[in-house]
Amino acid sequence: SNGLSDNLVTAITGRGNDIWIGTATAGIDHYQFDGQRLLRKGNIPRVVLSAGLWKNEVTALLRDRDDILWIGSSTNSLVRYTEKDGFRNYVVNGFVFTIMEDDHDNIWFGTWGQGIGYLNKNTGALEQYNNTPERMLGLSSDKIQSIYKDSYGYLWVGTKGGGLNVARIDDVIVRRGRFTVF
């Protein structure tokens, strides 16, 4: 059957003709789309966080340019997955609700209640701009709904209750400047 494992779809990402669909209770479904037909390739029923600890609820997905699948969940985790290496968990503050890749090999994440952050794929360094005013660079809310990097080098952050926040991504990385709120 080509049916979804769960009808509550929480995240979608893709690369080429591969589509990954995150669900609320059944992990991640993997499909291929040829322009006419959707072919089910498999299901990752649970996201492994550590030995004996797993979650089947997915809140965010990103398939990056290196074909690594990044997974957000309501567990204070950003998870890296490849078929070859399996799961690798990075502990972050807050439930991850949105994920984005920049041009510097950083995987950015937005959390519910703990601001934004990024993980450098090359070094493994994790940086977070959390809910303390001196660390948020003027971010108007720490409840992040969406993030986006435009072609001009600006980071756009959509929040719950705090509107839209924009800053140059390079300034955010080095903790210079502040977000402008719209």
Protein backbone atom coordinates (compact mmCIF):
# COMPACT_ATOMS: atom_id res chain seq x y z
CA SER A 1 0.00 0.00 0.00
CA ASN A 2 1.11 3.58 -0.66
CA GLY A 3 -0.86 4.96 2.31
CA LEU A 4 0.66 7.08 5.01
CA SER A 5 1.58 5.48 8.31
CA ASP A 6 -0.29 8.28 10.08
CA ASN A 7 -2.71 10.88 8.68
CA LEU A 8 -1.37 13.63 10.95
CA VAL A 9 1.50 14.96 8.82
CA THR A 10 3.83 17.25 10.78
CA ALA A 11 6.74 17.85 8.38
CA ILE A 12 7.78 17.30 4.75
CA THR A 13 11.18 17.47 3.10
CA GLY A 14 12.70 16.13 -0.06
CA ARG A 15 15.58 16.03 -2.47
CA GLY A 16 15.30 15.03 -6.09
CA ASN A 17 12.40 12.61 -6.35
CA ASP A 18 12.69 11.43 -2.72
CA ILE A 19 10.04 12.73 -0.31
CA TRP A 20 10.25 12.27 3.46
CA ILE A 21 7.06 12.79 5.49
CA GLY A 22 7.14 13.19 9.26
CA THR A 23 4.13 12.09 11.28
CA ALA A 24 2.78 12.65 14.77
CA THR A 25 2.70 9.00 15.82
CA ALA A 26 4.38 6.78 13.21
CA GLY A 27 7.83 8.21 12.54
CA ILE A 28 8.89 9.06 8.99
CA ASP A 29 7.52 7.74 5.71
CA HIS A 30 9.83 7.67 2.67
CA TYR A 31 8.38 7.96 -0.84
CA GLN A 32 9.63 8.46 -4.37
CA PHE A 33 7.61 10.52 -6.84
CA ASP A 34 8.16 10.13 -10.59
CA GLY A 35 5.87 12.99 -11.59
CA GLN A 36 2.82 10.75 -11.79
CA ARG A 37 3.05 8.03 -9.16
CA LEU A 38 3.98 8.09 -5.51
CA LEU A 39 5.86 4.93 -4.56
CA ARG A 40 6.30 4.04 -0.90
CA LYS A 41 9.95 3.16 -0.18
CA GLY A 42 9.66 2.52 3.54
CA ASN A 43 9.04 3.82 7.02
CA ILE A 44 11.35 4.75 9.88
CA PRO A 45 8.88 3.94 12.69
CA ARG A 46 10.85 5.64 15.44
CA VAL A 47 13.65 8.13 15.82
CA VAL A 48 16.38 6.70 18.05
CA LEU A 49 17.66 9.28 20.52
CA SER A 50 20.02 7.06 22.50
CA ALA A 51 20.26 3.44 23.62
CA GLY A 52 16.75 2.49 24.71
CA LEU A 53 15.30 5.96 24.14
CA TRP A 54 13.26 6.74 21.04
CA LYS A 55 10.40 8.90 19.79
CA ASN A 56 7.89 8.30 16.99
CA GLU A 57 6.66 11.90 16.92
CA VAL A 58 8.40 14.09 14.34
CA THR A 59 8.01 17.89 14.46
CA ALA A 60 10.47 19.03 11.75
CA LEU A 61 12.45 17.56 8.84
CA LEU A 62 15.24 18.68 6.51
CA ARG A 63 17.06 16.72 3.82
CA ASP A 64 20.29 18.71 3.40
CA ARG A 65 22.51 19.09 0.33
CA ASP A 66 24.66 16.13 1.52
CA ASP A 67 21.55 13.89 1.67
CA ILE A 68 21.56 13.81 5.46
CA LEU A 69 18.11 13.73 7.03
CA TRP A 70 17.75 16.08 10.02
CA ILE A 71 14.88 15.42 12.40
CA GLY A 72 13.29 17.59 15.05
CA SER A 73 11.09 16.21 17.77
CA SER A 74 9.51 17.17 21.07
CA THR A 75 12.47 15.77 23.01
CA ASN A 76 15.08 18.57 23.13
CA SER A 77 16.87 16.79 20.29
CA LEU A 78 18.14 17.52 16.82
CA VAL A 79 18.76 14.16 15.18
CA ARG A 80 20.98 13.34 12.18
CA TYR A 81 20.10 10.25 10.14
CA THR A 82 21.71 8.44 7.23
CA GLU A 83 20.99 4.89 6.10
CA LYS A 84 24.71 4.10 6.41
CA ASP A 85 25.38 5.56 9.86
CA GLY A 86 21.93 5.45 11.46
CA PHE A 87 20.91 8.02 14.09
CA ARG A 88 23.05 10.57 15.89
CA ASN A 89 21.43 12.73 18.52
CA TYR A 90 22.41 16.30 19.43
CA VAL A 91 20.88 17.61 22.65
CA VAL A 92 19.45 21.13 22.27
CA ASN A 93 17.34 23.32 24.54
CA GLY A 94 13.70 23.18 23.45
CA PHE A 95 11.51 21.14 21.16
CA VAL A 96 12.69 21.57 17.54
CA PHE A 97 9.87 22.87 15.31
CA THR A 98 11.74 24.03 12.20
CA ILE A 99 15.09 23.23 10.51
CA MET A 100 17.08 25.00 7.77
CA GLU A 101 20.56 24.73 6.19
CA ASP A 102 22.74 27.76 5.43
CA ASP A 103 25.71 28.21 3.07
CA HIS A 104 28.28 27.65 5.86
CA ASP A 105 27.40 23.98 6.58
CA ASN A 106 25.28 25.01 9.56
CA ILE A 107 21.98 23.33 10.33
CA TRP A 108 19.73 25.95 11.95
CA PHE A 109 16.84 25.00 14.19
CA GLY A 110 13.98 26.88 15.79
CA THR A 111 12.57 25.71 19.08
CA TRP A 112 9.42 26.18 21.08
CA GLY A 113 10.42 28.32 24.06
CA GLN A 114 14.21 28.29 23.70
CA GLY A 115 14.91 30.46 20.64
CA ILE A 116 17.09 29.49 17.68
CA GLY A 117 20.42 27.76 17.24
CA TYR A 118 22.64 26.00 14.79
CA LEU A 119 24.90 22.97 14.57
CA ASN A 120 27.98 23.10 12.35
CA LYS A 121 28.05 19.85 10.37
CA ASN A 122 31.85 19.87 10.04
CA THR A 123 32.89 20.62 13.61
CA GLY A 124 29.86 19.45 15.59
CA ALA A 125 29.84 22.80 17.40
CA LEU A 126 26.40 23.72 18.68
CA GLU A 127 25.37 27.32 19.31
CA GLN A 128 22.03 28.45 20.69
CA TYR A 129 20.38 31.85 21.10
CA ASN A 130 18.08 31.02 23.96
CA ASN A 131 15.47 32.79 26.00
CA THR A 132 17.74 35.09 28.01
CA PRO A 133 17.64 38.66 26.65
CA GLU A 134 21.44 39.06 26.43
CA ARG A 135 21.70 35.89 24.28
CA MET A 136 18.75 36.50 21.95
CA LEU A 137 20.18 39.47 19.98
CA GLY A 138 16.82 41.22 20.09
CA LEU A 139 14.76 38.21 18.97
CA SER A 140 11.22 39.22 19.95
CA SER A 141 10.04 35.77 21.03
CA ASP A 142 11.67 32.46 21.88
CA LYS A 143 8.76 30.49 20.37
CA ILE A 144 10.01 29.86 16.83
CA GLN A 145 7.59 28.71 14.13
CA SER A 146 9.74 29.06 10.99
CA ILE A 147 13.19 30.08 9.76
CA TYR A 148 14.49 30.99 6.32
CA LYS A 149 17.73 32.29 4.80
CA ASP A 150 17.38 34.47 1.73
CA SER A 151 19.81 34.99 -1.16
CA TYR A 152 20.99 38.31 0.38
CA GLY A 153 22.30 36.60 3.51
CA TYR A 154 19.47 37.48 5.86
CA LEU A 155 17.98 35.11 8.42
CA TRP A 156 14.19 35.40 8.69
CA VAL A 157 12.59 34.07 11.88
CA GLY A 158 8.84 33.67 12.32
CA THR A 159 7.65 33.57 15.92
CA LYS A 160 4.49 33.02 17.88
CA GLY A 161 3.42 36.37 19.26
CA GLY A 162 6.63 38.20 18.38
CA GLY A 163 6.08 38.68 14.66
CA LEU A 164 8.83 38.45 12.07
CA ASN A 165 12.50 38.96 13.00
CA VAL A 166 15.26 39.61 10.45
CA ALA A 167 19.06 39.88 10.80
CA ARG A 168 22.13 39.21 8.66
CA ILE A 169 22.99 35.56 9.23
CA ASP A 170 26.74 36.31 9.46
CA ASP A 171 26.04 38.85 12.23
CA VAL A 172 23.96 36.31 14.14
CA ILE A 173 26.72 33.69 13.88
CA VAL A 174 29.30 36.02 15.44
CA ARG A 175 26.73 37.55 17.84
CA ARG A 176 26.96 41.05 16.36
CA GLY A 177 24.02 43.23 15.58
CA ARG A 178 20.42 42.60 16.49
CA PHE A 179 17.26 41.33 14.90
CA THR A 180 14.88 43.87 13.39
CA VAL A 181 11.27 43.09 14.27
CA PHE A 182 8.44 43.54 11.79
